[in-house]
Amino acid sequence: MLHIVNKSSLERNTLESCLRVANGGAILLIEDAVYAATRGNEAEGKLREALSRFKVYALGPDLDARGMGDRVMEGVATVDYGGFVDLVTEHKNCQSWL
């Protein structure tokens, strides 16, 4: 399953809920959720721990739009819009965490 998170971990507990409830698969961070994929943020420890259970991706254009493209933590892959589409088609189910 592909879990899509779009809210900042500073604003909502969406990412935390996803990490607590989801059982494997992949996580795609989009919009303000991409902040969680950067070094030195509040959610870094939780996301590092999650890398053992999930493949984690961040949408590159959203990182770049927020000036964070060069701060992505190790283990998180960046994808462009075509990669977003590929992830959706590769997974049987998608869950958007709002």
N, C-alpha and C. Protein backbone atom coordinates (compact mmCIF):
# COMPACT_ATOMS: atom_id res chain seq x y z
N MET A 1 0.83 -1.17 0.00
CA MET A 1 0.00 0.00 0.00
C MET A 1 0.88 1.24 0.00
N LEU A 2 0.43 2.25 -0.73
CA LEU A 2 1.11 3.54 -0.75
C LEU A 2 0.35 4.48 0.18
N HIS A 3 1.05 5.02 1.16
CA HIS A 3 0.48 5.96 2.11
C HIS A 3 0.94 7.36 1.70
N ILE A 4 0.00 8.24 1.42
CA ILE A 4 0.31 9.59 0.96
C ILE A 4 -0.02 10.57 2.09
N VAL A 5 1.00 11.31 2.53
CA VAL A 5 0.84 12.26 3.62
C VAL A 5 1.13 13.65 3.08
N ASN A 6 0.22 14.61 3.38
CA ASN A 6 0.42 15.96 2.84
C ASN A 6 0.48 17.06 3.90
N LYS A 7 0.36 16.74 5.17
CA LYS A 7 0.37 17.77 6.22
C LYS A 7 1.69 17.79 6.97
N SER A 8 2.13 18.97 7.35
CA SER A 8 3.34 19.12 8.13
C SER A 8 3.18 18.44 9.48
N SER A 9 4.23 17.78 9.93
CA SER A 9 4.20 17.14 11.24
C SER A 9 4.19 18.18 12.37
N LEU A 10 4.48 19.42 12.06
CA LEU A 10 4.40 20.50 13.05
C LEU A 10 2.98 21.02 13.20
N GLU A 11 2.16 20.79 12.18
CA GLU A 11 0.81 21.32 12.15
C GLU A 11 -0.23 20.28 12.58
N ARG A 12 -0.02 19.04 12.16
CA ARG A 12 -0.98 17.97 12.43
C ARG A 12 -0.23 16.71 12.82
N ASN A 13 -0.95 15.73 13.35
CA ASN A 13 -0.33 14.45 13.72
C ASN A 13 -0.56 13.38 12.65
N THR A 14 -0.78 13.80 11.43
CA THR A 14 -1.08 12.90 10.33
C THR A 14 0.04 11.88 10.10
N LEU A 15 1.28 12.34 10.02
CA LEU A 15 2.40 11.43 9.79
C LEU A 15 2.53 10.46 10.96
N GLU A 16 2.41 10.96 12.16
CA GLU A 16 2.51 10.11 13.35
C GLU A 16 1.43 9.03 13.33
N SER A 17 0.21 9.40 12.96
CA SER A 17 -0.88 8.42 12.85
C SER A 17 -0.58 7.37 11.80
N CYS A 18 -0.08 7.82 10.67
CA CYS A 18 0.29 6.90 9.59
C CYS A 18 1.34 5.91 10.08
N LEU A 19 2.38 6.40 10.72
CA LEU A 19 3.46 5.53 11.18
C LEU A 19 2.99 4.56 12.25
N ARG A 20 2.03 4.97 13.05
CA ARG A 20 1.52 4.12 14.13
C ARG A 20 0.59 3.03 13.61
N VAL A 21 -0.23 3.34 12.60
CA VAL A 21 -1.27 2.44 12.15
C VAL A 21 -0.86 1.57 10.95
N ALA A 22 -0.10 2.13 10.05
CA ALA A 22 0.24 1.42 8.80
C ALA A 22 1.16 0.24 9.05
N ASN A 23 0.98 -0.78 8.25
CA ASN A 23 1.80 -2.00 8.35
C ASN A 23 2.60 -2.18 7.08
N GLY A 24 3.69 -1.47 6.95
CA GLY A 24 4.56 -1.63 5.79
C GLY A 24 4.04 -0.93 4.55
N GLY A 25 4.76 -1.14 3.47
CA GLY A 25 4.43 -0.48 2.21
C GLY A 25 5.37 0.68 1.97
N ALA A 26 4.82 1.73 1.41
CA ALA A 26 5.62 2.91 1.08
C ALA A 26 4.88 4.15 1.56
N ILE A 27 5.65 5.17 1.89
CA ILE A 27 5.09 6.46 2.30
C ILE A 27 5.60 7.51 1.32
N LEU A 28 4.68 8.30 0.80
CA LEU A 28 5.03 9.41 -0.07
C LEU A 28 4.66 10.70 0.65
N LEU A 29 5.64 11.55 0.89
CA LEU A 29 5.43 12.83 1.52
C LEU A 29 5.29 13.90 0.45
N ILE A 30 4.18 14.64 0.49
CA ILE A 30 3.92 15.69 -0.49
C ILE A 30 3.54 16.97 0.26
N GLU A 31 3.45 18.06 -0.48
CA GLU A 31 3.07 19.36 0.07
C GLU A 31 3.91 19.66 1.33
N ASP A 32 3.28 20.12 2.41
CA ASP A 32 4.04 20.49 3.62
C ASP A 32 4.60 19.29 4.37
N ALA A 33 4.16 18.08 4.07
CA ALA A 33 4.69 16.89 4.73
C ALA A 33 6.16 16.66 4.36
N VAL A 34 6.63 17.26 3.27
CA VAL A 34 8.03 17.04 2.88
C VAL A 34 9.02 17.58 3.91
N TYR A 35 8.58 18.50 4.77
CA TYR A 35 9.49 18.99 5.82
C TYR A 35 9.98 17.84 6.70
N ALA A 36 9.15 16.81 6.89
CA ALA A 36 9.52 15.67 7.73
C ALA A 36 10.69 14.89 7.14
N ALA A 37 10.93 15.03 5.86
CA ALA A 37 12.00 14.29 5.18
C ALA A 37 13.34 15.01 5.23
N THR A 38 13.40 16.13 5.94
CA THR A 38 14.63 16.92 5.96
C THR A 38 15.41 16.71 7.26
N ARG A 39 16.71 16.88 7.14
CA ARG A 39 17.59 16.76 8.31
C ARG A 39 17.31 17.88 9.31
N GLY A 40 17.34 17.52 10.59
CA GLY A 40 17.24 18.51 11.64
C GLY A 40 15.84 18.94 12.00
N ASN A 41 14.84 18.25 11.53
CA ASN A 41 13.48 18.64 11.88
C ASN A 41 12.97 17.80 13.05
N GLU A 42 11.86 18.20 13.59
CA GLU A 42 11.28 17.55 14.76
C GLU A 42 10.89 16.09 14.53
N ALA A 43 10.50 15.74 13.32
CA ALA A 43 10.03 14.39 13.01
C ALA A 43 11.15 13.46 12.53
N GLU A 44 12.36 13.96 12.44
CA GLU A 44 13.46 13.18 11.85
C GLU A 44 13.65 11.83 12.53
N GLY A 45 13.65 11.77 13.84
CA GLY A 45 13.86 10.52 14.56
C GLY A 45 12.79 9.48 14.25
N LYS A 46 11.54 9.92 14.24
CA LYS A 46 10.44 8.99 13.94
C LYS A 46 10.52 8.48 12.50
N LEU A 47 10.89 9.37 11.59
CA LEU A 47 10.98 8.96 10.20
C LEU A 47 12.17 8.03 9.98
N ARG A 48 13.28 8.29 10.64
CA ARG A 48 14.45 7.38 10.55
C ARG A 48 14.08 5.98 11.04
N GLU A 49 13.37 5.93 12.13
CA GLU A 49 12.91 4.65 12.66
C GLU A 49 11.97 3.95 11.67
N ALA A 50 11.13 4.71 11.01
CA ALA A 50 10.17 4.15 10.06
C ALA A 50 10.83 3.59 8.81
N LEU A 51 12.05 4.05 8.50
CA LEU A 51 12.74 3.58 7.30
C LEU A 51 13.02 2.07 7.34
N SER A 52 12.98 1.47 8.51
CA SER A 52 13.17 0.02 8.59
C SER A 52 11.89 -0.73 8.21
N ARG A 53 10.75 -0.04 8.21
CA ARG A 53 9.47 -0.69 7.89
C ARG A 53 8.86 -0.23 6.57
N PHE A 54 9.29 0.93 6.10
CA PHE A 54 8.69 1.53 4.91
C PHE A 54 9.76 2.02 3.95
N LYS A 55 9.41 2.05 2.69
CA LYS A 55 10.18 2.83 1.72
C LYS A 55 9.56 4.23 1.80
N VAL A 56 10.41 5.24 1.95
CA VAL A 56 9.91 6.60 2.12
C VAL A 56 10.37 7.45 0.94
N TYR A 57 9.42 8.18 0.40
CA TYR A 57 9.66 9.06 -0.75
C TYR A 57 9.17 10.46 -0.41
N ALA A 58 9.80 11.45 -1.01
CA ALA A 58 9.35 12.84 -0.90
C ALA A 58 9.26 13.43 -2.30
N LEU A 59 8.25 14.22 -2.53
CA LEU A 59 8.05 14.83 -3.84
C LEU A 59 9.03 15.98 -4.03
N GLY A 60 9.95 15.80 -4.97
CA GLY A 60 11.02 16.76 -5.21
C GLY A 60 10.55 18.18 -5.49
N PRO A 61 9.55 18.38 -6.36
CA PRO A 61 9.10 19.75 -6.62
C PRO A 61 8.57 20.45 -5.36
N ASP A 62 7.96 19.69 -4.44
CA ASP A 62 7.49 20.30 -3.20
C ASP A 62 8.66 20.64 -2.27
N LEU A 63 9.69 19.80 -2.25
CA LEU A 63 10.90 20.12 -1.49
C LEU A 63 11.54 21.39 -2.04
N ASP A 64 11.68 21.45 -3.36
CA ASP A 64 12.31 22.62 -4.00
C ASP A 64 11.50 23.89 -3.76
N ALA A 65 10.18 23.79 -3.82
CA ALA A 65 9.33 24.96 -3.61
C ALA A 65 9.48 25.53 -2.21
N ARG A 66 9.88 24.68 -1.27
CA ARG A 66 10.06 25.10 0.12
C ARG A 66 11.53 25.35 0.47
N GLY A 67 12.40 25.29 -0.54
CA GLY A 67 13.83 25.54 -0.32
C GLY A 67 14.52 24.43 0.46
N MET A 68 13.99 23.22 0.40
CA MET A 68 14.51 22.10 1.19
C MET A 68 15.11 20.99 0.34
N GLY A 69 15.25 21.21 -0.94
CA GLY A 69 15.74 20.17 -1.85
C GLY A 69 17.11 19.63 -1.49
N ASP A 70 17.94 20.43 -0.84
CA ASP A 70 19.29 19.99 -0.50
C ASP A 70 19.42 19.50 0.94
N ARG A 71 18.30 19.35 1.64
CA ARG A 71 18.33 18.93 3.04
C ARG A 71 17.66 17.59 3.30
N VAL A 72 17.44 16.81 2.25
CA VAL A 72 16.74 15.53 2.40
C VAL A 72 17.61 14.56 3.18
N MET A 73 17.02 13.91 4.17
CA MET A 73 17.77 12.97 5.00
C MET A 73 18.07 11.69 4.23
N GLU A 74 19.16 11.05 4.61
CA GLU A 74 19.58 9.81 3.97
C GLU A 74 18.50 8.75 4.15
N GLY A 75 18.25 8.00 3.09
CA GLY A 75 17.25 6.94 3.14
C GLY A 75 15.92 7.32 2.52
N VAL A 76 15.70 8.62 2.34
CA VAL A 76 14.47 9.09 1.72
C VAL A 76 14.77 9.38 0.25
N ALA A 77 14.00 8.76 -0.62
CA ALA A 77 14.17 8.97 -2.06
C ALA A 77 13.27 10.11 -2.53
N THR A 78 13.79 10.91 -3.43
CA THR A 78 12.95 11.96 -4.01
C THR A 78 12.41 11.50 -5.35
N VAL A 79 11.20 11.91 -5.64
CA VAL A 79 10.56 11.58 -6.91
C VAL A 79 9.98 12.85 -7.52
N ASP A 80 9.89 12.85 -8.84
CA ASP A 80 9.23 13.95 -9.53
C ASP A 80 7.76 13.55 -9.73
N TYR A 81 7.02 14.35 -10.50
CA TYR A 81 5.60 14.04 -10.70
C TYR A 81 5.40 12.71 -11.43
N GLY A 82 6.28 12.40 -12.37
CA GLY A 82 6.21 11.11 -13.05
C GLY A 82 6.45 9.96 -12.08
N GLY A 83 7.38 10.16 -11.13
CA GLY A 83 7.63 9.17 -10.10
C GLY A 83 6.44 8.99 -9.17
N PHE A 84 5.73 10.07 -8.90
CA PHE A 84 4.50 10.02 -8.10
C PHE A 84 3.50 9.09 -8.81
N VAL A 85 3.31 9.31 -10.09
CA VAL A 85 2.39 8.48 -10.87
C VAL A 85 2.85 7.02 -10.85
N ASP A 86 4.15 6.80 -11.02
CA ASP A 86 4.68 5.42 -10.98
C ASP A 86 4.39 4.75 -9.65
N LEU A 87 4.56 5.47 -8.55
CA LEU A 87 4.29 4.90 -7.23
C LEU A 87 2.82 4.52 -7.09
N VAL A 88 1.94 5.36 -7.59
CA VAL A 88 0.51 5.06 -7.52
C VAL A 88 0.18 3.81 -8.33
N THR A 89 0.77 3.68 -9.50
CA THR A 89 0.48 2.51 -10.33
C THR A 89 1.15 1.23 -9.83
N GLU A 90 2.25 1.36 -9.10
CA GLU A 90 2.97 0.19 -8.56
C GLU A 90 2.28 -0.43 -7.36
N HIS A 91 1.46 0.35 -6.68
CA HIS A 91 0.81 -0.14 -5.47
C HIS A 91 -0.68 -0.42 -5.73
N LYS A 92 -1.12 -1.53 -5.22
CA LYS A 92 -2.52 -1.95 -5.43
C LYS A 92 -3.49 -0.95 -4.79
N ASN A 93 -3.14 -0.44 -3.62
CA ASN A 93 -3.99 0.49 -2.89
C ASN A 93 -3.21 1.72 -2.48
N CYS A 94 -3.92 2.85 -2.40
CA CYS A 94 -3.34 4.09 -1.91
C CYS A 94 -4.23 4.64 -0.79
N GLN A 95 -3.59 5.13 0.25
CA GLN A 95 -4.30 5.73 1.37
C GLN A 95 -3.78 7.14 1.57
N SER A 96 -4.68 8.11 1.43
CA SER A 96 -4.31 9.50 1.70
C SER A 96 -4.61 9.81 3.15
N TRP A 97 -3.60 10.29 3.86
CA TRP A 97 -3.74 10.65 5.26
C TRP A 97 -3.95 12.15 5.33
N LEU A 98 -5.13 12.57 5.71
CA LEU A 98 -5.50 13.99 5.70
C LEU A 98 -5.45 14.61 7.07
